[in-house]
């Protein structure tokens, strides 16, 4: 299960490290410092910071990343909510009083 905090995930910096999902973000920070040469070869997915991808494969990963769909749907939901708010908003603007009389 993807949401299981006890699930073991392989470290992208050292293939022998298997970390519980709940500790994975902390481990990534630690291992990035321990393996700076490997870190130079990896890029972070813009949709999920837990996805560390070889630089050459990043564009392919971005096209296929499952988290992209979640983020895009969230953006759609937020923008449609904003549009509903704009449509439901009643303007309280009133023209300022005018002293001019163009007919005279």
PDB file of N, CA and C in Angstrom:
ATOM      1  N   UNK A   1       0.841  -1.196   0.000  1.00  0.00           N
ATOM      2  CA  UNK A   1       0.000   0.000   0.000  1.00  0.00           C
ATOM      3  C   UNK A   1       0.877   1.248   0.000  1.00  0.00           C
ATOM      4  N   UNK A   2       0.572   2.209  -0.838  1.00  0.00           N
ATOM      5  CA  UNK A   2       1.372   3.427  -0.992  1.00  0.00           C
ATOM      6  C   UNK A   2       1.351   4.274   0.282  1.00  0.00           C
ATOM      7  N   UNK A   3       0.262   4.262   1.015  1.00  0.00           N
ATOM      8  CA  UNK A   3       0.133   5.111   2.197  1.00  0.00           C
ATOM      9  C   UNK A   3       0.613   4.440   3.476  1.00  0.00           C
ATOM     10  N   UNK A   4       1.160   3.247   3.385  1.00  0.00           N
ATOM     11  CA  UNK A   4       1.625   2.505   4.553  1.00  0.00           C
ATOM     12  C   UNK A   4       2.925   3.117   5.081  1.00  0.00           C
ATOM     13  N   UNK A   5       2.924   3.686   6.286  1.00  0.00           N
ATOM     14  CA  UNK A   5       4.138   4.311   6.819  1.00  0.00           C
ATOM     15  C   UNK A   5       5.246   3.307   7.149  1.00  0.00           C
ATOM     16  N   UNK A   6       4.904   2.026   7.242  1.00  0.00           N
ATOM     17  CA  UNK A   6       5.902   0.990   7.537  1.00  0.00           C
ATOM     18  C   UNK A   6       6.510   0.379   6.275  1.00  0.00           C
ATOM     19  N   UNK A   7       5.997   0.753   5.129  1.00  0.00           N
ATOM     20  CA  UNK A   7       6.500   0.232   3.852  1.00  0.00           C
ATOM     21  C   UNK A   7       7.969   0.606   3.698  1.00  0.00           C
ATOM     22  N   UNK A   8       8.786  -0.316   3.175  1.00  0.00           N
ATOM     23  CA  UNK A   8      10.205  -0.056   2.983  1.00  0.00           C
ATOM     24  C   UNK A   8      10.451   0.512   1.588  1.00  0.00           C
ATOM     25  N   UNK A   9      11.258   1.563   1.542  1.00  0.00           N
ATOM     26  CA  UNK A   9      11.590   2.236   0.287  1.00  0.00           C
ATOM     27  C   UNK A   9      13.100   2.203   0.123  1.00  0.00           C
ATOM     28  N   UNK A  10      13.538   1.964  -1.099  1.00  0.00           N
ATOM     29  CA  UNK A  10      14.970   1.926  -1.377  1.00  0.00           C
ATOM     30  C   UNK A  10      15.516   3.352  -1.508  1.00  0.00           C
ATOM     31  N   UNK A  11      16.625   3.605  -0.873  1.00  0.00           N
ATOM     32  CA  UNK A  11      17.273   4.921  -0.917  1.00  0.00           C
ATOM     33  C   UNK A  11      17.881   5.150  -2.301  1.00  0.00           C
ATOM     34  N   UNK A  12      17.681   6.322  -2.893  1.00  0.00           N
ATOM     35  CA  UNK A  12      18.273   6.591  -4.204  1.00  0.00           C
ATOM     36  C   UNK A  12      19.786   6.862  -4.134  1.00  0.00           C
ATOM     37  N   UNK A  13      20.296   7.143  -2.958  1.00  0.00           N
ATOM     38  CA  UNK A  13      21.723   7.433  -2.803  1.00  0.00           C
ATOM     39  C   UNK A  13      22.549   6.174  -2.558  1.00  0.00           C
ATOM     40  N   UNK A  14      21.976   5.215  -1.839  1.00  0.00           N
ATOM     41  CA  UNK A  14      22.669   3.963  -1.531  1.00  0.00           C
ATOM     42  C   UNK A  14      21.645   2.844  -1.650  1.00  0.00           C
ATOM     43  N   UNK A  15      21.800   1.994  -2.655  1.00  0.00           N
ATOM     44  CA  UNK A  15      20.824   0.946  -2.962  1.00  0.00           C
ATOM     45  C   UNK A  15      20.690  -0.073  -1.836  1.00  0.00           C
ATOM     46  N   UNK A  16      21.637  -0.124  -0.900  1.00  0.00           N
ATOM     47  CA  UNK A  16      21.573  -1.063   0.219  1.00  0.00           C
ATOM     48  C   UNK A  16      20.725  -0.528   1.370  1.00  0.00           C
ATOM     49  N   UNK A  17      20.380   0.740   1.331  1.00  0.00           N
ATOM     50  CA  UNK A  17      19.531   1.326   2.379  1.00  0.00           C
ATOM     51  C   UNK A  17      18.066   1.090   2.034  1.00  0.00           C
ATOM     52  N   UNK A  18      17.334   0.512   2.979  1.00  0.00           N
ATOM     53  CA  UNK A  18      15.882   0.348   2.845  1.00  0.00           C
ATOM     54  C   UNK A  18      15.268   1.009   4.067  1.00  0.00           C
ATOM     55  N   UNK A  19      14.456   2.032   3.835  1.00  0.00           N
ATOM     56  CA  UNK A  19      13.965   2.902   4.902  1.00  0.00           C
ATOM     57  C   UNK A  19      12.445   2.838   4.948  1.00  0.00           C
ATOM     58  N   UNK A  20      11.900   2.919   6.161  1.00  0.00           N
ATOM     59  CA  UNK A  20      10.445   2.995   6.307  1.00  0.00           C
ATOM     60  C   UNK A  20       9.955   4.295   5.668  1.00  0.00           C
ATOM     61  N   UNK A  21       8.790   4.232   5.050  1.00  0.00           N
ATOM     62  CA  UNK A  21       8.223   5.397   4.353  1.00  0.00           C
ATOM     63  C   UNK A  21       8.089   6.593   5.283  1.00  0.00           C
ATOM     64  N   UNK A  22       7.761   6.352   6.545  1.00  0.00           N
ATOM     65  CA  UNK A  22       7.578   7.454   7.487  1.00  0.00           C
ATOM     66  C   UNK A  22       8.892   8.184   7.788  1.00  0.00           C
ATOM     67  N   UNK A  23      10.019   7.529   7.619  1.00  0.00           N
ATOM     68  CA  UNK A  23      11.329   8.132   7.899  1.00  0.00           C
ATOM     69  C   UNK A  23      12.054   8.571   6.629  1.00  0.00           C
ATOM     70  N   UNK A  24      11.484   8.271   5.475  1.00  0.00           N
ATOM     71  CA  UNK A  24      12.169   8.487   4.209  1.00  0.00           C
ATOM     72  C   UNK A  24      12.609   9.939   3.973  1.00  0.00           C
ATOM     73  N   UNK A  25      11.774  10.946   4.198  1.00  0.00           N
ATOM     74  CA  UNK A  25      12.233  12.327   3.959  1.00  0.00           C
ATOM     75  C   UNK A  25      13.456  12.698   4.806  1.00  0.00           C
ATOM     76  N   UNK A  26      13.491  12.267   6.055  1.00  0.00           N
ATOM     77  CA  UNK A  26      14.628  12.557   6.929  1.00  0.00           C
ATOM     78  C   UNK A  26      15.882  11.849   6.434  1.00  0.00           C
ATOM     79  N   UNK A  27      15.691  10.614   5.979  1.00  0.00           N
ATOM     80  CA  UNK A  27      16.822   9.845   5.472  1.00  0.00           C
ATOM     81  C   UNK A  27      17.405  10.508   4.213  1.00  0.00           C
ATOM     82  N   UNK A  28      16.538  11.006   3.351  1.00  0.00           N
ATOM     83  CA  UNK A  28      17.019  11.660   2.124  1.00  0.00           C
ATOM     84  C   UNK A  28      17.944  12.831   2.438  1.00  0.00           C
ATOM     85  N   UNK A  29      17.564  13.630   3.419  1.00  0.00           N
ATOM     86  CA  UNK A  29      18.394  14.780   3.800  1.00  0.00           C
ATOM     87  C   UNK A  29      19.754  14.304   4.289  1.00  0.00           C
ATOM     88  N   UNK A  30      19.754  13.287   5.129  1.00  0.00           N
ATOM     89  CA  UNK A  30      21.002  12.757   5.691  1.00  0.00           C
ATOM     90  C   UNK A  30      21.883  12.152   4.597  1.00  0.00           C
ATOM     91  N   UNK A  31      21.292  11.339   3.740  1.00  0.00           N
ATOM     92  CA  UNK A  31      22.072  10.665   2.704  1.00  0.00           C
ATOM     93  C   UNK A  31      22.582  11.637   1.638  1.00  0.00           C
ATOM     94  N   UNK A  32      21.834  12.694   1.372  1.00  0.00           N
ATOM     95  CA  UNK A  32      22.304  13.696   0.397  1.00  0.00           C
ATOM     96  C   UNK A  32      23.650  14.266   0.843  1.00  0.00           C
ATOM     97  N   UNK A  33      23.792  14.490   2.139  1.00  0.00           N
ATOM     98  CA  UNK A  33      25.061  15.011   2.682  1.00  0.00           C
ATOM     99  C   UNK A  33      26.157  13.957   2.649  1.00  0.00           C
ATOM    100  N   UNK A  34      25.782  12.704   2.870  1.00  0.00           N
ATOM    101  CA  UNK A  34      26.764  11.621   2.914  1.00  0.00           C
ATOM    102  C   UNK A  34      27.254  11.202   1.536  1.00  0.00           C
ATOM    103  N   UNK A  35      26.448  11.429   0.508  1.00  0.00           N
ATOM    104  CA  UNK A  35      26.785  11.003  -0.855  1.00  0.00           C
ATOM    105  C   UNK A  35      26.666  12.183  -1.827  1.00  0.00           C
ATOM    106  N   UNK A  36      27.524  13.201  -1.678  1.00  0.00           N
ATOM    107  CA  UNK A  36      27.390  14.399  -2.533  1.00  0.00           C
ATOM    108  C   UNK A  36      27.610  14.122  -4.021  1.00  0.00           C
ATOM    109  N   UNK A  37      28.439  13.143  -4.348  1.00  0.00           N
ATOM    110  CA  UNK A  37      28.677  12.839  -5.765  1.00  0.00           C
ATOM    111  C   UNK A  37      27.436  12.223  -6.417  1.00  0.00           C
ATOM    112  N   UNK A  38      26.752  11.361  -5.685  1.00  0.00           N
ATOM    113  CA  UNK A  38      25.511  10.775  -6.201  1.00  0.00           C
ATOM    114  C   UNK A  38      24.437  11.862  -6.280  1.00  0.00           C
ATOM    115  N   UNK A  39      24.402  12.750  -5.288  1.00  0.00           N
ATOM    116  CA  UNK A  39      23.403  13.820  -5.251  1.00  0.00           C
ATOM    117  C   UNK A  39      23.510  14.720  -6.482  1.00  0.00           C
ATOM    118  N   UNK A  40      24.724  14.925  -6.981  1.00  0.00           N
ATOM    119  CA  UNK A  40      24.922  15.761  -8.175  1.00  0.00           C
ATOM    120  C   UNK A  40      24.280  15.143  -9.412  1.00  0.00           C
ATOM    121  N   UNK A  41      24.136  13.826  -9.413  1.00  0.00           N
ATOM    122  CA  UNK A  41      23.594  13.112 -10.565  1.00  0.00           C
ATOM    123  C   UNK A  41      22.065  13.000 -10.538  1.00  0.00           C
ATOM    124  N   UNK A  42      21.449  13.364  -9.412  1.00  0.00           N
ATOM    125  CA  UNK A  42      20.006  13.206  -9.258  1.00  0.00           C
ATOM    126  C   UNK A  42      19.285  14.548  -9.290  1.00  0.00           C
ATOM    127  N   UNK A  43      18.066  14.525  -9.784  1.00  0.00           N
ATOM    128  CA  UNK A  43      17.198  15.705  -9.782  1.00  0.00           C
ATOM    129  C   UNK A  43      15.946  15.384  -8.988  1.00  0.00           C
ATOM    130  N   UNK A  44      15.359  16.411  -8.397  1.00  0.00           N
ATOM    131  CA  UNK A  44      14.143  16.237  -7.617  1.00  0.00           C
ATOM    132  C   UNK A  44      12.928  16.487  -8.496  1.00  0.00           C
ATOM    133  N   UNK A  45      11.975  15.585  -8.410  1.00  0.00           N
ATOM    134  CA  UNK A  45      10.720  15.724  -9.144  1.00  0.00           C
ATOM    135  C   UNK A  45       9.993  16.972  -8.655  1.00  0.00           C
ATOM    136  N   UNK A  46       9.460  17.808  -9.562  1.00  0.00           N
ATOM    137  CA  UNK A  46       8.745  19.013  -9.126  1.00  0.00           C
ATOM    138  C   UNK A  46       7.393  18.716  -8.470  1.00  0.00           C
ATOM    139  N   UNK A  47       6.899  17.486  -8.600  1.00  0.00           N
ATOM    140  CA  UNK A  47       5.603  17.132  -8.045  1.00  0.00           C
ATOM    141  C   UNK A  47       5.695  16.386  -6.719  1.00  0.00           C
ATOM    142  N   UNK A  48       6.854  15.783  -6.435  1.00  0.00           N
ATOM    143  CA  UNK A  48       7.034  15.030  -5.202  1.00  0.00           C
ATOM    144  C   UNK A  48       8.515  15.009  -4.864  1.00  0.00           C
ATOM    145  N   UNK A  49       8.886  15.674  -3.784  1.00  0.00           N
ATOM    146  CA  UNK A  49      10.297  15.789  -3.401  1.00  0.00           C
ATOM    147  C   UNK A  49      10.909  14.449  -3.004  1.00  0.00           C
ATOM    148  N   UNK A  50      10.088  13.438  -2.795  1.00  0.00           N
ATOM    149  CA  UNK A  50      10.614  12.100  -2.485  1.00  0.00           C
ATOM    150  C   UNK A  50      11.106  11.378  -3.727  1.00  0.00           C
ATOM    151  N   UNK A  51      10.753  11.891  -4.900  1.00  0.00           N
ATOM    152  CA  UNK A  51      11.195  11.280  -6.151  1.00  0.00           C
ATOM    153  C   UNK A  51      12.520  11.908  -6.562  1.00  0.00           C
ATOM    154  N   UNK A  52      13.592  11.164  -6.427  1.00  0.00           N
ATOM    155  CA  UNK A  52      14.903  11.606  -6.884  1.00  0.00           C
ATOM    156  C   UNK A  52      15.248  10.773  -8.109  1.00  0.00           C
ATOM    157  N   UNK A  53      15.411  11.449  -9.232  1.00  0.00           N
ATOM    158  CA  UNK A  53      15.527  10.813 -10.531  1.00  0.00           C
ATOM    159  C   UNK A  53      16.882  11.167 -11.145  1.00  0.00           C
ATOM    160  N   UNK A  54      17.517  10.215 -11.860  1.00  0.00           N
ATOM    161  CA  UNK A  54      18.725  10.593 -12.611  1.00  0.00           C
ATOM    162  C   UNK A  54      18.396  11.757 -13.550  1.00  0.00           C
ATOM    163  N   UNK A  55      19.293  12.727 -13.621  1.00  0.00           N
ATOM    164  CA  UNK A  55      19.043  13.945 -14.408  1.00  0.00           C
ATOM    165  C   UNK A  55      18.578  13.641 -15.828  1.00  0.00           C
ATOM    166  N   UNK A  56      19.160  12.640 -16.457  1.00  0.00           N
ATOM    167  CA  UNK A  56      18.820  12.312 -17.841  1.00  0.00           C
ATOM    168  C   UNK A  56      17.388  11.804 -17.975  1.00  0.00           C
ATOM    169  N   UNK A  57      16.819  11.265 -16.909  1.00  0.00           N
ATOM    170  CA  UNK A  57      15.478  10.688 -16.961  1.00  0.00           C
ATOM    171  C   UNK A  57      14.395  11.610 -16.416  1.00  0.00           C
ATOM    172  N   UNK A  58      14.752  12.814 -15.986  1.00  0.00           N
ATOM    173  CA  UNK A  58      13.791  13.692 -15.322  1.00  0.00           C
ATOM    174  C   UNK A  58      12.613  14.072 -16.217  1.00  0.00           C
ATOM    175  N   UNK A  59      12.868  14.451 -17.453  1.00  0.00           N
ATOM    176  CA  UNK A  59      11.754  14.885 -18.317  1.00  0.00           C
ATOM    177  C   UNK A  59      10.780  13.738 -18.560  1.00  0.00           C
ATOM    178  N   UNK A  60      11.293  12.531 -18.721  1.00  0.00           N
ATOM    179  CA  UNK A  60      10.424  11.370 -18.895  1.00  0.00           C
ATOM    180  C   UNK A  60       9.614  11.114 -17.622  1.00  0.00           C
ATOM    181  N   UNK A  61      10.255  11.250 -16.468  1.00  0.00           N
ATOM    182  CA  UNK A  61       9.562  11.064 -15.201  1.00  0.00           C
ATOM    183  C   UNK A  61       8.447  12.101 -15.023  1.00  0.00           C
ATOM    184  N   UNK A  62       8.720  13.344 -15.373  1.00  0.00           N
ATOM    185  CA  UNK A  62       7.727  14.411 -15.237  1.00  0.00           C
ATOM    186  C   UNK A  62       6.483  14.100 -16.066  1.00  0.00           C
ATOM    187  N   UNK A  63       6.674  13.551 -17.243  1.00  0.00           N
ATOM    188  CA  UNK A  63       5.533  13.215 -18.100  1.00  0.00           C
ATOM    189  C   UNK A  63       4.685  12.098 -17.497  1.00  0.00           C
ATOM    190  N   UNK A  64       5.318  11.177 -16.751  1.00  0.00           N
ATOM    191  CA  UNK A  64       4.626   9.986 -16.252  1.00  0.00           C
ATOM    192  C   UNK A  64       4.331  10.008 -14.760  1.00  0.00           C
ATOM    193  N   UNK A  65       4.794  11.006 -14.033  1.00  0.00           N
ATOM    194  CA  UNK A  65       4.677  11.028 -12.576  1.00  0.00           C
ATOM    195  C   UNK A  65       3.204  10.993 -12.140  1.00  0.00           C
ATOM    196  N   UNK A  66       2.877  10.041 -11.280  1.00  0.00           N
ATOM    197  CA  UNK A  66       1.508   9.914 -10.775  1.00  0.00           C
ATOM    198  C   UNK A  66       1.088  11.127  -9.954  1.00  0.00           C
ATOM    199  N   UNK A  67       2.025  11.756  -9.286  1.00  0.00           N
ATOM    200  CA  UNK A  67       1.700  12.901  -8.442  1.00  0.00           C
ATOM    201  C   UNK A  67       1.355  14.142  -9.257  1.00  0.00           C
ATOM    202  N   UNK A  68       1.724  14.164 -10.524  1.00  0.00           N
ATOM    203  CA  UNK A  68       1.376  15.294 -11.386  1.00  0.00           C
ATOM    204  C   UNK A  68      -0.136  15.408 -11.521  1.00  0.00           C
ATOM    205  N   UNK A  69      -0.807  14.291 -11.707  1.00  0.00           N
ATOM    206  CA  UNK A  69      -2.258  14.296 -11.852  1.00  0.00           C
ATOM    207  C   UNK A  69      -2.953  14.818 -10.616  1.00  0.00           C
ATOM    208  N   UNK A  70      -2.451  14.455  -9.449  1.00  0.00           N
ATOM    209  CA  UNK A  70      -3.031  14.919  -8.187  1.00  0.00           C
ATOM    210  C   UNK A  70      -2.885  16.432  -8.079  1.00  0.00           C
ATOM    211  N   UNK A  71      -1.704  16.938  -8.412  1.00  0.00           N
ATOM    212  CA  UNK A  71      -1.444  18.376  -8.335  1.00  0.00           C
ATOM    213  C   UNK A  71      -2.291  19.135  -9.358  1.00  0.00           C
ATOM    214  N   UNK A  72      -2.372  18.603 -10.576  1.00  0.00           N
ATOM    215  CA  UNK A  72      -3.174  19.267 -11.602  1.00  0.00           C
ATOM    216  C   UNK A  72      -4.649  19.322 -11.200  1.00  0.00           C
ATOM    217  N   UNK A  73      -5.156  18.230 -10.631  1.00  0.00           N
ATOM    218  CA  UNK A  73      -6.552  18.200 -10.199  1.00  0.00           C
ATOM    219  C   UNK A  73      -6.786  19.215  -9.082  1.00  0.00           C
ATOM    220  N   UNK A  74      -5.815  19.336  -8.175  1.00  0.00           N
ATOM    221  CA  UNK A  74      -5.924  20.301  -7.091  1.00  0.00           C
ATOM    222  C   UNK A  74      -5.976  21.726  -7.642  1.00  0.00           C
ATOM    223  N   UNK A  75      -5.171  22.005  -8.647  1.00  0.00           N
ATOM    224  CA  UNK A  75      -5.170  23.336  -9.271  1.00  0.00           C
ATOM    225  C   UNK A  75      -6.518  23.613  -9.926  1.00  0.00           C
ATOM    226  N   UNK A  76      -7.057  22.622 -10.631  1.00  0.00           N
ATOM    227  CA  UNK A  76      -8.366  22.779 -11.275  1.00  0.00           C
ATOM    228  C   UNK A  76      -9.436  23.055 -10.227  1.00  0.00           C
ATOM    229  N   UNK A  77      -9.406  22.291  -9.137  1.00  0.00           N
ATOM    230  CA  UNK A  77     -10.402  22.481  -8.081  1.00  0.00           C
ATOM    231  C   UNK A  77     -10.298  23.868  -7.456  1.00  0.00           C
ATOM    232  N   UNK A  78      -9.075  24.327  -7.224  1.00  0.00           N
ATOM    233  CA  UNK A  78      -8.894  25.650  -6.630  1.00  0.00           C
ATOM    234  C   UNK A  78      -9.358  26.739  -7.578  1.00  0.00           C
ATOM    235  N   UNK A  79      -9.014  26.621  -8.860  1.00  0.00           N
ATOM    236  CA  UNK A  79      -9.401  27.679  -9.802  1.00  0.00           C
ATOM    237  C   UNK A  79     -10.906  27.690 -10.021  1.00  0.00           C
ATOM    238  N   UNK A  80     -11.548  26.518 -10.058  1.00  0.00           N
ATOM    239  CA  UNK A  80     -13.004  26.525 -10.234  1.00  0.00           C
ATOM    240  C   UNK A  80     -13.688  27.079  -8.992  1.00  0.00           C
ATOM    241  N   UNK A  81     -13.120  26.830  -7.817  1.00  0.00           N
ATOM    242  CA  UNK A  81     -13.657  27.417  -6.587  1.00  0.00           C
ATOM    243  C   UNK A  81     -13.509  28.922  -6.609  1.00  0.00           C
ATOM    244  N   UNK A  82     -12.387  29.413  -7.113  1.00  0.00           N
ATOM    245  CA  UNK A  82     -12.156  30.849  -7.218  1.00  0.00           C
ATOM    246  C   UNK A  82     -13.152  31.472  -8.193  1.00  0.00           C
ATOM    247  N   UNK A  83     -13.399  30.787  -9.312  1.00  0.00           N
ATOM    248  CA  UNK A  83     -14.361  31.299 -10.293  1.00  0.00           C
ATOM    249  C   UNK A  83     -15.765  31.362  -9.695  1.00  0.00           C
ATOM    250  N   UNK A  84     -16.141  30.333  -8.926  1.00  0.00           N
ATOM    251  CA  UNK A  84     -17.455  30.358  -8.265  1.00  0.00           C
ATOM    252  C   UNK A  84     -17.550  31.532  -7.306  1.00  0.00           C
ATOM    253  N   UNK A  85     -16.482  31.774  -6.556  1.00  0.00           N
ATOM    254  CA  UNK A  85     -16.481  32.905  -5.624  1.00  0.00           C
ATOM    255  C   UNK A  85     -16.636  34.216  -6.373  1.00  0.00           C
ATOM    256  N   UNK A  86     -15.959  34.342  -7.509  1.00  0.00           N
ATOM    257  CA  UNK A  86     -16.036  35.568  -8.297  1.00  0.00           C
ATOM    258  C   UNK A  86     -17.451  35.765  -8.841  1.00  0.00           C
ATOM    259  N   UNK A  87     -18.090  34.680  -9.277  1.00  0.00           N
ATOM    260  CA  UNK A  87     -19.442  34.790  -9.830  1.00  0.00           C
ATOM    261  C   UNK A  87     -20.452  35.125  -8.735  1.00  0.00           C
ATOM    262  N   UNK A  88     -20.235  34.629  -7.539  1.00  0.00           N
ATOM    263  CA  UNK A  88     -21.170  34.856  -6.446  1.00  0.00           C
ATOM    264  C   UNK A  88     -20.927  36.185  -5.727  1.00  0.00           C
ATOM    265  N   UNK A  89     -19.792  36.791  -5.972  1.00  0.00           N
ATOM    266  CA  UNK A  89     -19.472  38.044  -5.285  1.00  0.00           C
ATOM    267  C   UNK A  89     -20.352  39.164  -5.845  1.00  0.00           C
ATOM    268  N   UNK A  90     -20.934  39.923  -4.964  1.00  0.00           N
ATOM    269  CA  UNK A  90     -21.773  41.048  -5.355  1.00  0.00           C
ATOM    270  C   UNK A  90     -20.934  42.313  -5.212  1.00  0.00           C
ATOM    271  N   UNK A  91     -20.909  43.078  -6.270  1.00  0.00           N
ATOM    272  CA  UNK A  91     -20.127  44.308  -6.239  1.00  0.00           C
ATOM    273  C   UNK A  91     -20.831  45.362  -5.387  1.00  0.00           C
ATOM    274  N   UNK A  92     -20.086  46.041  -4.544  1.00  0.00           N
ATOM    275  CA  UNK A  92     -20.639  47.113  -3.711  1.00  0.00           C
ATOM    276  C   UNK A  92     -20.169  48.477  -4.219  1.00  0.00           C
ATOM    277  N   UNK A  93     -19.519  48.481  -5.381  1.00  0.00           N
ATOM    278  CA  UNK A  93     -19.002  49.725  -5.936  1.00  0.00           C
ATOM    279  C   UNK A  93     -20.146  50.618  -6.374  1.00  0.00           C
ATOM    280  N   UNK A  94     -20.025  51.905  -6.077  1.00  0.00           N
ATOM    281  CA  UNK A  94     -21.000  52.886  -6.532  1.00  0.00           C
ATOM    282  C   UNK A  94     -20.239  54.061  -7.128  1.00  0.00           C
ATOM    283  N   UNK A  95     -20.818  54.621  -8.156  1.00  0.00           N
ATOM    284  CA  UNK A  95     -20.191  55.774  -8.793  1.00  0.00           C
ATOM    285  C   UNK A  95     -20.194  56.946  -7.816  1.00  0.00           C
ATOM    286  N   UNK A  96     -19.132  57.725  -7.806  1.00  0.00           N
ATOM    287  CA  UNK A  96     -19.110  58.897  -6.920  1.00  0.00           C
ATOM    288  C   UNK A  96     -20.116  59.939  -7.425  1.00  0.00           C
ATOM    289  N   UNK A  97     -20.620  60.768  -6.532  1.00  0.00           N
ATOM    290  CA  UNK A  97     -21.583  61.785  -6.964  1.00  0.00           C
ATOM    291  C   UNK A  97     -20.931  62.752  -7.953  1.00  0.00           C
ATOM    292  N   UNK A  98     -21.704  63.162  -8.928  1.00  0.00           N
ATOM    293  CA  UNK A  98     -21.186  64.029  -9.976  1.00  0.00           C
ATOM    294  C   UNK A  98     -21.882  65.385  -9.893  1.00  0.00           C
ATOM    295  N   UNK A  99     -21.099  66.429  -9.881  1.00  0.00           N
ATOM    296  CA  UNK A  99     -21.622  67.783  -9.787  1.00  0.00           C
ATOM    297  C   UNK A  99     -21.911  68.363 -11.180  1.00  0.00           C
ATOM    298  N   UNK A 100     -21.387  67.720 -12.211  1.00  0.00           N
ATOM    299  CA  UNK A 100     -21.532  68.251 -13.571  1.00  0.00           C
ATOM    300  C   UNK A 100     -22.902  67.905 -14.144  1.00  0.00           C
ATOM    301  N   UNK A 101     -23.411  68.834 -14.956  1.00  0.00           N
ATOM    302  CA  UNK A 101     -24.654  68.571 -15.685  1.00  0.00           C
ATOM    303  C   UNK A 101     -24.375  68.882 -17.144  1.00  0.00           C
ATOM    304  N   UNK A 102     -24.225  67.882 -17.931  1.00  0.00           N
ATOM    305  CA  UNK A 102     -23.834  68.038 -19.324  1.00  0.00           C
ATOM    306  C   UNK A 102     -24.975  68.597 -20.192  1.00  0.00           C
ATOM    307  N   UNK A 103     -26.162  68.562 -19.686  1.00  0.00           N
ATOM    308  CA  UNK A 103     -27.289  69.070 -20.443  1.00  0.00           C
ATOM    309  C   UNK A 103     -27.349  70.594 -20.419  1.00  0.00           C
ATOM    310  N   UNK A 104     -26.754  71.194 -19.390  1.00  0.00           N
ATOM    311  CA  UNK A 104     -26.852  72.661 -19.289  1.00  0.00           C
ATOM    312  C   UNK A 104     -25.685  73.347 -19.897  1.00  0.00           C
TER     313      UNK A 104
END
